[in-house]
Amino acid sequence: MIVLFRFFFNLPDIKKFKSLNSKNNFSNCFKYQEKKSVNSNENTFKITYNSIPKKLRDCTFNSNNVNCKSEFPENDILKNLENLVTKIFMLKEIKESDVKISKLEKIILKAILKKKKIPWSNNMKFDLKSLKKIQYINHYKKKEDQLKFIIKKCIKHMQYKFKNDQNLTEVQFRLKYPNYKKAKDKYFYEYYFKDIAEQEGISIENFFHFRTGAYRYTREIPNSVTKKSVNLWKMNPLFIQEIVSYINTSLISNFKSFNTKKIQIMISNWSNTLRALGPTKGQNTILKMLNSRGCKLPWTINEVNQAVKTTLIFLN
């Protein structure tokens, strides 16, 4: 009956749009926009359905729709902003040509800097000298956030290495580690600490870095990286050595390539928002995202360098 009712009255699919009306529409600056089209592999984006003009609704869910009458050129929206934000975040050399961005791009850039708590007074000129100056001004993250960020990346790398070092086929690996996707943290920590946990008479969950995935409600696991966790890890020196080794060798280079792509996706999705909603509504939507509490911009290279120093001191 529901299907027939929706068919005759031409209503949108409830499953398709139920997530759009949730309270967390702006919980992330760009991730909430990432969505796969039902009928194609093209990247589309997600905005509150009722806020989109009827003529642009098809365009909103498929930016390549030929019926989408955009007020912007296909490839020129926020391209200069993407280049400038990447250079500011990644400490790359800013040139005079990079300063020539549109009025809309300047508004969004100032909102980004405000979100990053990088001061930009109204009296400052928008020139090369000012932009080079703000590259080195950073509001560093809280110590807890710094430790979480670095340790999480290290553990993710070590888990990937743990899986690849088994020298097993996919079938053999699944037989040896059943239900690996949900229990990978357990298998991973047992590899390093199973014997130690049995000797000390404690559960393996005590060694987890912090609550995550299937273990986010487990009381034995702390909410963040603590000295108690580090002291337990030190029972197997190999574990700490591998964390420190990854930090000193590959973490920064891997972060740079990953973060550049992350900035590109974020601003590309903002371009799609502008293309779908037009300059005024699109700008207001982007600024609303940036002003929301849940908005999490990519880290800058300065923030990561500071987090690395904090983590290495904490592990010693």
C-alpha atoms as a PDB file:
ATOM      1  CA  MET A   1       0.000   0.000   0.000  1.00  0.00           C
ATOM      2  CA  ILE A   2       2.804   2.431   0.913  1.00  0.00           C
ATOM      3  CA  VAL A   3       4.588   1.737  -2.376  1.00  0.00           C
ATOM      4  CA  LEU A   4       1.393   2.314  -4.398  1.00  0.00           C
ATOM      5  CA  PHE A   5       0.604   5.490  -2.450  1.00  0.00           C
ATOM      6  CA  ARG A   6       4.118   6.831  -3.121  1.00  0.00           C
ATOM      7  CA  PHE A   7       3.842   5.873  -6.812  1.00  0.00           C
ATOM      8  CA  PHE A   8       0.478   7.584  -7.464  1.00  0.00           C
ATOM      9  CA  PHE A   9       1.273  10.734  -5.537  1.00  0.00           C
ATOM     10  CA  ASN A  10       4.871  10.950  -6.824  1.00  0.00           C
ATOM     11  CA  LEU A  11       6.426  11.176  -3.341  1.00  0.00           C
ATOM     12  CA  PRO A  12      10.185  10.807  -2.757  1.00  0.00           C
ATOM     13  CA  ASP A  13      11.542   7.539  -1.444  1.00  0.00           C
ATOM     14  CA  ILE A  14      11.483   7.788   2.365  1.00  0.00           C
ATOM     15  CA  LYS A  15      14.585   5.592   2.728  1.00  0.00           C
ATOM     16  CA  LYS A  16      16.490   7.867   0.376  1.00  0.00           C
ATOM     17  CA  PHE A  17      15.741  11.023   2.330  1.00  0.00           C
ATOM     18  CA  LYS A  18      15.249   9.958   5.931  1.00  0.00           C
ATOM     19  CA  SER A  19      18.902  10.707   6.784  1.00  0.00           C
ATOM     20  CA  LEU A  20      18.629  14.188   5.307  1.00  0.00           C
ATOM     21  CA  ASN A  21      16.199  15.345   7.983  1.00  0.00           C
ATOM     22  CA  SER A  22      18.255  14.139  10.945  1.00  0.00           C
ATOM     23  CA  LYS A  23      19.695  16.520  13.523  1.00  0.00           C
ATOM     24  CA  ASN A  24      23.245  15.743  12.393  1.00  0.00           C
ATOM     25  CA  ASN A  25      23.055  17.204   8.881  1.00  0.00           C
ATOM     26  CA  PHE A  26      25.958  19.504   9.683  1.00  0.00           C
ATOM     27  CA  SER A  27      27.889  17.172  11.985  1.00  0.00           C
ATOM     28  CA  ASN A  28      30.847  17.243   9.616  1.00  0.00           C
ATOM     29  CA  CYS A  29      32.065  19.896   7.179  1.00  0.00           C
ATOM     30  CA  PHE A  30      32.200  17.551   4.228  1.00  0.00           C
ATOM     31  CA  LYS A  31      31.656  13.880   5.102  1.00  0.00           C
ATOM     32  CA  TYR A  32      27.919  14.260   5.332  1.00  0.00           C
ATOM     33  CA  GLN A  33      27.926  15.197   1.676  1.00  0.00           C
ATOM     34  CA  GLU A  34      29.587  12.010   0.471  1.00  0.00           C
ATOM     35  CA  LYS A  35      26.960   9.670  -0.951  1.00  0.00           C
ATOM     36  CA  LYS A  36      26.782   7.190  -3.802  1.00  0.00           C
ATOM     37  CA  SER A  37      24.018   7.568  -6.365  1.00  0.00           C
ATOM     38  CA  VAL A  38      21.553   4.667  -6.396  1.00  0.00           C
ATOM     39  CA  ASN A  39      21.713   4.191 -10.181  1.00  0.00           C
ATOM     40  CA  SER A  40      25.338   5.080 -10.876  1.00  0.00           C
ATOM     41  CA  ASN A  41      28.838   5.110  -9.453  1.00  0.00           C
ATOM     42  CA  GLU A  42      29.094   8.897  -9.655  1.00  0.00           C
ATOM     43  CA  ASN A  43      29.843  10.861  -6.506  1.00  0.00           C
ATOM     44  CA  THR A  44      26.850  12.872  -5.357  1.00  0.00           C
ATOM     45  CA  PHE A  45      26.217  14.916  -2.262  1.00  0.00           C
ATOM     46  CA  LYS A  46      23.641  15.275   0.450  1.00  0.00           C
ATOM     47  CA  ILE A  47      21.866  18.465   1.581  1.00  0.00           C
ATOM     48  CA  THR A  48      18.611  18.996   3.491  1.00  0.00           C
ATOM     49  CA  TYR A  49      15.960  18.069   0.909  1.00  0.00           C
ATOM     50  CA  ASN A  50      13.389  20.743   1.781  1.00  0.00           C
ATOM     51  CA  SER A  51      15.955  23.568   1.560  1.00  0.00           C
ATOM     52  CA  ILE A  52      16.605  22.917  -2.144  1.00  0.00           C
ATOM     53  CA  PRO A  53      14.538  24.673  -4.824  1.00  0.00           C
ATOM     54  CA  LYS A  54      12.371  22.214  -6.793  1.00  0.00           C
ATOM     55  CA  LYS A  55      14.143  23.033 -10.074  1.00  0.00           C
ATOM     56  CA  LEU A  56      17.491  22.098  -8.553  1.00  0.00           C
ATOM     57  CA  ARG A  57      16.568  18.925  -6.649  1.00  0.00           C
ATOM     58  CA  ASP A  58      17.641  16.593  -9.483  1.00  0.00           C
ATOM     59  CA  CYS A  59      20.868  18.551  -9.759  1.00  0.00           C
ATOM     60  CA  THR A  60      21.490  18.165  -6.028  1.00  0.00           C
ATOM     61  CA  PHE A  61      21.584  14.387  -6.125  1.00  0.00           C
ATOM     62  CA  ASN A  62      23.585  14.188  -9.336  1.00  0.00           C
ATOM     63  CA  SER A  63      25.837  17.124 -10.159  1.00  0.00           C
ATOM     64  CA  ASN A  64      26.379  15.764 -13.688  1.00  0.00           C
ATOM     65  CA  ASN A  65      22.660  15.861 -14.551  1.00  0.00           C
ATOM     66  CA  VAL A  66      22.244  17.548 -17.959  1.00  0.00           C
ATOM     67  CA  ASN A  67      19.051  19.249 -16.733  1.00  0.00           C
ATOM     68  CA  CYS A  68      20.917  21.018 -13.954  1.00  0.00           C
ATOM     69  CA  LYS A  69      21.128  24.687 -14.939  1.00  0.00           C
ATOM     70  CA  SER A  70      24.131  25.881 -12.984  1.00  0.00           C
ATOM     71  CA  GLU A  71      25.000  29.529 -12.461  1.00  0.00           C
ATOM     72  CA  PHE A  72      28.679  28.553 -12.335  1.00  0.00           C
ATOM     73  CA  PRO A  73      31.165  27.106 -14.848  1.00  0.00           C
ATOM     74  CA  GLU A  74      31.631  23.355 -14.417  1.00  0.00           C
ATOM     75  CA  ASN A  75      35.275  23.372 -13.317  1.00  0.00           C
ATOM     76  CA  ASP A  76      35.966  26.856 -11.990  1.00  0.00           C
ATOM     77  CA  ILE A  77      34.007  26.897  -8.722  1.00  0.00           C
ATOM     78  CA  LEU A  78      36.305  27.358  -5.702  1.00  0.00           C
ATOM     79  CA  LYS A  79      39.320  25.936  -7.607  1.00  0.00           C
ATOM     80  CA  ASN A  80      41.491  28.867  -6.538  1.00  0.00           C
ATOM     81  CA  LEU A  81      40.272  28.458  -2.953  1.00  0.00           C
ATOM     82  CA  GLU A  82      41.216  24.770  -2.990  1.00  0.00           C
ATOM     83  CA  ASN A  83      44.732  25.635  -4.132  1.00  0.00           C
ATOM     84  CA  LEU A  84      45.154  28.377  -1.510  1.00  0.00           C
ATOM     85  CA  VAL A  85      43.722  26.366   1.408  1.00  0.00           C
ATOM     86  CA  THR A  86      46.000  23.427   0.518  1.00  0.00           C
ATOM     87  CA  LYS A  87      49.055  25.707   0.563  1.00  0.00           C
ATOM     88  CA  ILE A  88      48.067  27.333   3.878  1.00  0.00           C
ATOM     89  CA  PHE A  89      47.297  24.008   5.586  1.00  0.00           C
ATOM     90  CA  MET A  90      50.300  22.134   4.190  1.00  0.00           C
ATOM     91  CA  LEU A  91      52.857  24.975   4.544  1.00  0.00           C
ATOM     92  CA  LYS A  92      53.563  25.199   0.829  1.00  0.00           C
ATOM     93  CA  GLU A  93      54.906  28.345  -0.798  1.00  0.00           C
ATOM     94  CA  ILE A  94      52.165  30.890  -1.580  1.00  0.00           C
ATOM     95  CA  LYS A  95      52.703  32.947  -4.732  1.00  0.00           C
ATOM     96  CA  GLU A  96      51.265  36.281  -5.822  1.00  0.00           C
ATOM     97  CA  SER A  97      48.951  34.558  -8.306  1.00  0.00           C
ATOM     98  CA  ASP A  98      47.409  32.472  -5.489  1.00  0.00           C
ATOM     99  CA  VAL A  99      46.059  35.620  -3.811  1.00  0.00           C
ATOM    100  CA  LYS A 100      43.743  36.399  -6.741  1.00  0.00           C
ATOM    101  CA  ILE A 101      40.556  34.695  -5.585  1.00  0.00           C
ATOM    102  CA  SER A 102      36.905  35.713  -5.886  1.00  0.00           C
ATOM    103  CA  LYS A 103      34.895  37.596  -3.253  1.00  0.00           C
ATOM    104  CA  LEU A 104      32.956  34.404  -2.440  1.00  0.00           C
ATOM    105  CA  GLU A 105      36.196  32.454  -1.962  1.00  0.00           C
ATOM    106  CA  LYS A 106      37.520  35.153   0.388  1.00  0.00           C
ATOM    107  CA  ILE A 107      34.372  34.906   2.534  1.00  0.00           C
ATOM    108  CA  ILE A 108      34.699  31.121   2.800  1.00  0.00           C
ATOM    109  CA  LEU A 109      38.464  31.318   3.485  1.00  0.00           C
ATOM    110  CA  LYS A 110      37.920  33.765   6.354  1.00  0.00           C
ATOM    111  CA  ALA A 111      35.270  31.394   7.781  1.00  0.00           C
ATOM    112  CA  ILE A 112      37.788  28.520   7.561  1.00  0.00           C
ATOM    113  CA  LEU A 113      40.445  30.575   9.367  1.00  0.00           C
ATOM    114  CA  LYS A 114      37.926  31.559  12.030  1.00  0.00           C
ATOM    115  CA  LYS A 115      37.040  27.881  12.535  1.00  0.00           C
ATOM    116  CA  LYS A 116      40.739  27.110  12.906  1.00  0.00           C
ATOM    117  CA  LYS A 117      40.980  29.987  15.446  1.00  0.00           C
ATOM    118  CA  ILE A 118      43.572  31.717  13.281  1.00  0.00           C
ATOM    119  CA  PRO A 119      43.094  35.471  13.833  1.00  0.00           C
ATOM    120  CA  TRP A 120      42.170  37.570  10.808  1.00  0.00           C
ATOM    121  CA  SER A 121      41.191  41.125  11.718  1.00  0.00           C
ATOM    122  CA  ASN A 122      39.059  43.299   9.450  1.00  0.00           C
ATOM    123  CA  ASN A 123      41.969  45.734   9.177  1.00  0.00           C
ATOM    124  CA  MET A 124      44.299  43.149   7.624  1.00  0.00           C
ATOM    125  CA  LYS A 125      44.882  43.420   3.898  1.00  0.00           C
ATOM    126  CA  PHE A 126      44.186  40.366   1.798  1.00  0.00           C
ATOM    127  CA  ASP A 127      47.650  40.174   0.273  1.00  0.00           C
ATOM    128  CA  LEU A 128      50.610  37.829  -0.045  1.00  0.00           C
ATOM    129  CA  LYS A 129      52.344  39.133   3.091  1.00  0.00           C
ATOM    130  CA  SER A 130      49.270  38.569   5.316  1.00  0.00           C
ATOM    131  CA  LEU A 131      48.651  35.055   3.954  1.00  0.00           C
ATOM    132  CA  LYS A 132      52.271  34.012   4.518  1.00  0.00           C
ATOM    133  CA  LYS A 133      52.021  35.323   8.074  1.00  0.00           C
ATOM    134  CA  ILE A 134      48.916  33.310   8.971  1.00  0.00           C
ATOM    135  CA  GLN A 135      50.502  30.089   7.678  1.00  0.00           C
ATOM    136  CA  TYR A 136      52.562  29.921  10.860  1.00  0.00           C
ATOM    137  CA  ILE A 137      49.798  30.993  13.281  1.00  0.00           C
ATOM    138  CA  ASN A 138      48.039  27.937  14.666  1.00  0.00           C
ATOM    139  CA  HIS A 139      45.720  27.205  17.539  1.00  0.00           C
ATOM    140  CA  TYR A 140      47.089  23.850  18.656  1.00  0.00           C
ATOM    141  CA  LYS A 141      44.717  21.050  19.567  1.00  0.00           C
ATOM    142  CA  LYS A 142      44.132  19.794  23.091  1.00  0.00           C
ATOM    143  CA  LYS A 143      46.663  17.258  24.328  1.00  0.00           C
ATOM    144  CA  GLU A 144      43.988  14.545  24.440  1.00  0.00           C
ATOM    145  CA  ASP A 145      43.017  15.200  20.805  1.00  0.00           C
ATOM    146  CA  GLN A 146      46.667  15.221  19.709  1.00  0.00           C
ATOM    147  CA  LEU A 147      47.348  11.838  21.316  1.00  0.00           C
ATOM    148  CA  LYS A 148      44.172  10.319  19.868  1.00  0.00           C
ATOM    149  CA  PHE A 149      44.984  11.574  16.378  1.00  0.00           C
ATOM    150  CA  ILE A 150      48.564  10.249  16.264  1.00  0.00           C
ATOM    151  CA  ILE A 151      47.986   6.954  18.104  1.00  0.00           C
ATOM    152  CA  LYS A 152      44.933   6.175  15.975  1.00  0.00           C
ATOM    153  CA  LYS A 153      46.961   6.610  12.782  1.00  0.00           C
ATOM    154  CA  CYS A 154      49.791   4.474  14.175  1.00  0.00           C
ATOM    155  CA  ILE A 155      47.444   1.662  15.251  1.00  0.00           C
ATOM    156  CA  LYS A 156      45.671   1.732  11.884  1.00  0.00           C
ATOM    157  CA  HIS A 157      49.018   1.329  10.102  1.00  0.00           C
ATOM    158  CA  MET A 158      50.114  -1.438  12.468  1.00  0.00           C
ATOM    159  CA  GLN A 159      46.824  -3.316  12.002  1.00  0.00           C
ATOM    160  CA  TYR A 160      47.276  -3.135   8.233  1.00  0.00           C
ATOM    161  CA  LYS A 161      50.844  -4.421   8.634  1.00  0.00           C
ATOM    162  CA  PHE A 162      49.666  -7.176  11.013  1.00  0.00           C
ATOM    163  CA  LYS A 163      47.202  -8.454   8.409  1.00  0.00           C
ATOM    164  CA  ASN A 164      49.696  -8.345   5.527  1.00  0.00           C
ATOM    165  CA  ASP A 165      52.500 -10.006   7.508  1.00  0.00           C
ATOM    166  CA  GLN A 166      50.444 -13.166   8.025  1.00  0.00           C
ATOM    167  CA  ASN A 167      51.348 -14.423   4.512  1.00  0.00           C
ATOM    168  CA  LEU A 168      47.940 -16.064   4.195  1.00  0.00           C
ATOM    169  CA  THR A 169      45.413 -16.104   1.395  1.00  0.00           C
ATOM    170  CA  GLU A 170      42.141 -14.289   2.048  1.00  0.00           C
ATOM    171  CA  VAL A 171      40.358 -17.598   2.703  1.00  0.00           C
ATOM    172  CA  GLN A 172      43.074 -18.830   5.092  1.00  0.00           C
ATOM    173  CA  PHE A 173      43.051 -15.503   6.929  1.00  0.00           C
ATOM    174  CA  ARG A 174      39.278 -15.615   7.426  1.00  0.00           C
ATOM    175  CA  LEU A 175      39.482 -19.163   8.777  1.00  0.00           C
ATOM    176  CA  LYS A 176      42.270 -18.235  11.207  1.00  0.00           C
ATOM    177  CA  TYR A 177      40.608 -14.952  12.264  1.00  0.00           C
ATOM    178  CA  PRO A 178      36.822 -15.412  11.973  1.00  0.00           C
ATOM    179  CA  ASN A 179      34.693 -12.269  12.095  1.00  0.00           C
ATOM    180  CA  TYR A 180      37.877 -10.186  11.714  1.00  0.00           C
ATOM    181  CA  LYS A 181      36.102  -6.987  10.676  1.00  0.00           C
ATOM    182  CA  LYS A 182      34.288  -6.681  14.010  1.00  0.00           C
ATOM    183  CA  ALA A 183      36.983  -8.230  16.220  1.00  0.00           C
ATOM    184  CA  LYS A 184      40.153  -6.897  14.549  1.00  0.00           C
ATOM    185  CA  ASP A 185      41.157  -4.894  17.644  1.00  0.00           C
ATOM    186  CA  LYS A 186      40.964  -8.043  19.780  1.00  0.00           C
ATOM    187  CA  TYR A 187      43.030 -10.126  17.337  1.00  0.00           C
ATOM    188  CA  PHE A 188      45.541  -7.300  16.926  1.00  0.00           C
ATOM    189  CA  TYR A 189      46.197  -6.800  20.666  1.00  0.00           C
ATOM    190  CA  GLU A 190      46.265 -10.542  21.314  1.00  0.00           C
ATOM    191  CA  TYR A 191      49.125 -10.766  18.819  1.00  0.00           C
ATOM    192  CA  TYR A 192      51.223  -8.461  21.060  1.00  0.00           C
ATOM    193  CA  PHE A 193      49.798  -8.977  24.564  1.00  0.00           C
ATOM    194  CA  LYS A 194      47.933 -12.297  24.856  1.00  0.00           C
ATOM    195  CA  ASP A 195      50.606 -14.008  27.018  1.00  0.00           C
ATOM    196  CA  ILE A 196      51.131 -10.863  29.131  1.00  0.00           C
ATOM    197  CA  ALA A 197      47.384 -10.523  29.760  1.00  0.00           C
ATOM    198  CA  GLU A 198      47.183 -14.150  30.922  1.00  0.00           C
ATOM    199  CA  GLN A 199      50.213 -13.730  33.219  1.00  0.00           C
ATOM    200  CA  GLU A 200      48.822 -10.542  34.765  1.00  0.00           C
ATOM    201  CA  GLY A 201      45.283 -11.959  35.017  1.00  0.00           C
ATOM    202  CA  ILE A 202      43.661  -9.071  33.128  1.00  0.00           C
ATOM    203  CA  SER A 203      41.453  -8.969  30.043  1.00  0.00           C
ATOM    204  CA  ILE A 204      42.936  -8.087  26.665  1.00  0.00           C
ATOM    205  CA  GLU A 205      40.602  -5.058  26.455  1.00  0.00           C
ATOM    206  CA  ASN A 206      42.810  -3.277  29.019  1.00  0.00           C
ATOM    207  CA  PHE A 207      45.473  -2.883  26.317  1.00  0.00           C
ATOM    208  CA  PHE A 208      43.201  -1.200  23.767  1.00  0.00           C
ATOM    209  CA  HIS A 209      44.229   2.337  22.764  1.00  0.00           C
ATOM    210  CA  PHE A 210      40.747   3.816  23.419  1.00  0.00           C
ATOM    211  CA  ARG A 211      37.100   2.918  22.940  1.00  0.00           C
ATOM    212  CA  THR A 212      36.402   2.393  19.282  1.00  0.00           C
ATOM    213  CA  GLY A 213      34.314   0.323  16.890  1.00  0.00           C
ATOM    214  CA  ALA A 214      32.641  -2.709  18.456  1.00  0.00           C
ATOM    215  CA  TYR A 215      34.313  -1.918  21.813  1.00  0.00           C
ATOM    216  CA  ARG A 216      33.145   1.693  22.192  1.00  0.00           C
ATOM    217  CA  TYR A 217      30.973   0.773  25.222  1.00  0.00           C
ATOM    218  CA  THR A 218      33.493  -1.508  26.985  1.00  0.00           C
ATOM    219  CA  ARG A 219      34.241  -0.083  30.436  1.00  0.00           C
ATOM    220  CA  GLU A 220      37.727  -1.582  30.707  1.00  0.00           C
ATOM    221  CA  ILE A 221      38.855   0.559  27.765  1.00  0.00           C
ATOM    222  CA  PRO A 222      39.620   4.227  28.522  1.00  0.00           C
ATOM    223  CA  ASN A 223      38.004   7.050  26.538  1.00  0.00           C
ATOM    224  CA  SER A 224      41.397   8.398  25.548  1.00  0.00           C
ATOM    225  CA  VAL A 225      45.094   7.492  25.582  1.00  0.00           C
ATOM    226  CA  THR A 226      46.284   7.462  29.204  1.00  0.00           C
ATOM    227  CA  LYS A 227      49.517   6.834  31.084  1.00  0.00           C
ATOM    228  CA  LYS A 228      48.017   3.557  32.286  1.00  0.00           C
ATOM    229  CA  SER A 229      47.643   2.437  28.655  1.00  0.00           C
ATOM    230  CA  VAL A 230      51.247   3.400  27.862  1.00  0.00           C
ATOM    231  CA  ASN A 231      52.566   1.532  30.932  1.00  0.00           C
ATOM    232  CA  LEU A 232      50.701  -1.592  29.804  1.00  0.00           C
ATOM    233  CA  TRP A 233      52.065  -1.240  26.258  1.00  0.00           C
ATOM    234  CA  LYS A 234      55.613  -0.983  27.639  1.00  0.00           C
ATOM    235  CA  MET A 235      55.272  -4.586  28.842  1.00  0.00           C
ATOM    236  CA  ASN A 236      55.974  -5.474  25.223  1.00  0.00           C
ATOM    237  CA  PRO A 237      58.720  -3.053  24.042  1.00  0.00           C
ATOM    238  CA  LEU A 238      58.146  -4.120  20.419  1.00  0.00           C
ATOM    239  CA  PHE A 239      54.717  -2.439  20.450  1.00  0.00           C
ATOM    240  CA  ILE A 240      56.110   0.970  21.496  1.00  0.00           C
ATOM    241  CA  GLN A 241      59.057   0.597  19.096  1.00  0.00           C
ATOM    242  CA  GLU A 242      56.737   0.082  16.130  1.00  0.00           C
ATOM    243  CA  ILE A 243      54.625   3.132  17.067  1.00  0.00           C
ATOM    244  CA  VAL A 244      57.698   5.356  17.387  1.00  0.00           C
ATOM    245  CA  SER A 245      59.205   3.940  14.194  1.00  0.00           C
ATOM    246  CA  TYR A 246      56.100   4.778  12.157  1.00  0.00           C
ATOM    247  CA  ILE A 247      55.930   8.296  13.644  1.00  0.00           C
ATOM    248  CA  ASN A 248      59.568   8.972  12.769  1.00  0.00           C
ATOM    249  CA  THR A 249      59.512   7.496   9.269  1.00  0.00           C
ATOM    250  CA  SER A 250      56.186   7.544   7.424  1.00  0.00           C
ATOM    251  CA  LEU A 251      53.457   9.309   9.390  1.00  0.00           C
ATOM    252  CA  ILE A 252      54.061  12.869   8.126  1.00  0.00           C
ATOM    253  CA  SER A 253      54.502  11.871   4.469  1.00  0.00           C
ATOM    254  CA  ASN A 254      51.372   9.675   4.571  1.00  0.00           C
ATOM    255  CA  PHE A 255      49.447  12.485   6.245  1.00  0.00           C
ATOM    256  CA  LYS A 256      50.433  14.999   3.556  1.00  0.00           C
ATOM    257  CA  SER A 257      49.141  12.897   0.670  1.00  0.00           C
ATOM    258  CA  PHE A 258      45.980  11.912   2.570  1.00  0.00           C
ATOM    259  CA  ASN A 259      45.209  15.451   3.748  1.00  0.00           C
ATOM    260  CA  THR A 260      45.681  17.022   0.317  1.00  0.00           C
ATOM    261  CA  LYS A 261      43.061  14.629  -1.054  1.00  0.00           C
ATOM    262  CA  LYS A 262      40.798  15.342   1.926  1.00  0.00           C
ATOM    263  CA  ILE A 263      40.892  19.109   1.273  1.00  0.00           C
ATOM    264  CA  GLN A 264      40.193  18.491  -2.405  1.00  0.00           C
ATOM    265  CA  ILE A 265      37.088  16.390  -1.615  1.00  0.00           C
ATOM    266  CA  MET A 266      35.824  18.902   0.935  1.00  0.00           C
ATOM    267  CA  ILE A 267      36.019  21.910  -1.390  1.00  0.00           C
ATOM    268  CA  SER A 268      34.768  19.893  -4.360  1.00  0.00           C
ATOM    269  CA  ASN A 269      31.630  19.089  -2.372  1.00  0.00           C
ATOM    270  CA  TRP A 270      31.239  22.755  -1.470  1.00  0.00           C
ATOM    271  CA  SER A 271      31.440  23.532  -5.193  1.00  0.00           C
ATOM    272  CA  ASN A 272      28.625  21.045  -5.790  1.00  0.00           C
ATOM    273  CA  THR A 273      26.592  22.779  -3.077  1.00  0.00           C
ATOM    274  CA  LEU A 274      27.034  26.137  -4.828  1.00  0.00           C
ATOM    275  CA  ARG A 275      26.218  24.608  -8.204  1.00  0.00           C
ATOM    276  CA  ALA A 276      23.008  23.117  -6.832  1.00  0.00           C
ATOM    277  CA  LEU A 277      21.743  25.948  -4.624  1.00  0.00           C
ATOM    278  CA  GLY A 278      23.118  29.023  -6.350  1.00  0.00           C
ATOM    279  CA  PRO A 279      25.546  31.626  -4.958  1.00  0.00           C
ATOM    280  CA  THR A 280      23.443  33.024  -2.093  1.00  0.00           C
ATOM    281  CA  LYS A 281      21.882  29.858  -0.645  1.00  0.00           C
ATOM    282  CA  GLY A 282      25.019  27.854  -1.381  1.00  0.00           C
ATOM    283  CA  GLN A 283      27.208  30.340   0.479  1.00  0.00           C
ATOM    284  CA  ASN A 284      24.826  30.384   3.457  1.00  0.00           C
ATOM    285  CA  THR A 285      24.817  26.565   3.557  1.00  0.00           C
ATOM    286  CA  ILE A 286      28.627  26.386   3.554  1.00  0.00           C
ATOM    287  CA  LEU A 287      28.940  29.069   6.254  1.00  0.00           C
ATOM    288  CA  LYS A 288      26.322  27.254   8.339  1.00  0.00           C
ATOM    289  CA  MET A 289      28.412  24.076   8.103  1.00  0.00           C
ATOM    290  CA  LEU A 290      31.577  25.913   9.124  1.00  0.00           C
ATOM    291  CA  ASN A 291      29.844  27.576  12.079  1.00  0.00           C
ATOM    292  CA  SER A 292      28.356  24.329  13.413  1.00  0.00           C
ATOM    293  CA  ARG A 293      29.990  22.738  16.467  1.00  0.00           C
ATOM    294  CA  GLY A 294      30.370  19.355  14.833  1.00  0.00           C
ATOM    295  CA  CYS A 295      32.291  20.694  11.835  1.00  0.00           C
ATOM    296  CA  LYS A 296      35.784  19.164  11.764  1.00  0.00           C
ATOM    297  CA  LEU A 297      38.201  20.645   9.274  1.00  0.00           C
ATOM    298  CA  PRO A 298      41.317  18.727   8.164  1.00  0.00           C
ATOM    299  CA  TRP A 299      44.358  19.185  10.381  1.00  0.00           C
ATOM    300  CA  THR A 300      47.148  21.522   9.308  1.00  0.00           C
ATOM    301  CA  ILE A 301      50.724  20.296   9.054  1.00  0.00           C
ATOM    302  CA  ASN A 302      51.651  22.576  11.991  1.00  0.00           C
ATOM    303  CA  GLU A 303      49.012  20.904  14.167  1.00  0.00           C
ATOM    304  CA  VAL A 304      50.301  17.452  13.219  1.00  0.00           C
ATOM    305  CA  ASN A 305      53.936  18.377  13.908  1.00  0.00           C
ATOM    306  CA  GLN A 306      52.944  19.631  17.357  1.00  0.00           C
ATOM    307  CA  ALA A 307      50.881  16.475  17.972  1.00  0.00           C
ATOM    308  CA  VAL A 308      53.882  14.311  17.020  1.00  0.00           C
ATOM    309  CA  LYS A 309      56.088  16.093  19.582  1.00  0.00           C
ATOM    310  CA  THR A 310      53.411  15.738  22.280  1.00  0.00           C
ATOM    311  CA  THR A 311      52.969  11.997  21.538  1.00  0.00           C
ATOM    312  CA  LEU A 312      56.690  11.178  21.550  1.00  0.00           C
ATOM    313  CA  ILE A 313      57.122  12.929  24.916  1.00  0.00           C
ATOM    314  CA  PHE A 314      54.073  11.115  26.298  1.00  0.00           C
ATOM    315  CA  LEU A 315      55.341   7.697  25.207  1.00  0.00           C
ATOM    316  CA  ASN A 316      58.733   8.133  26.904  1.00  0.00           C
END
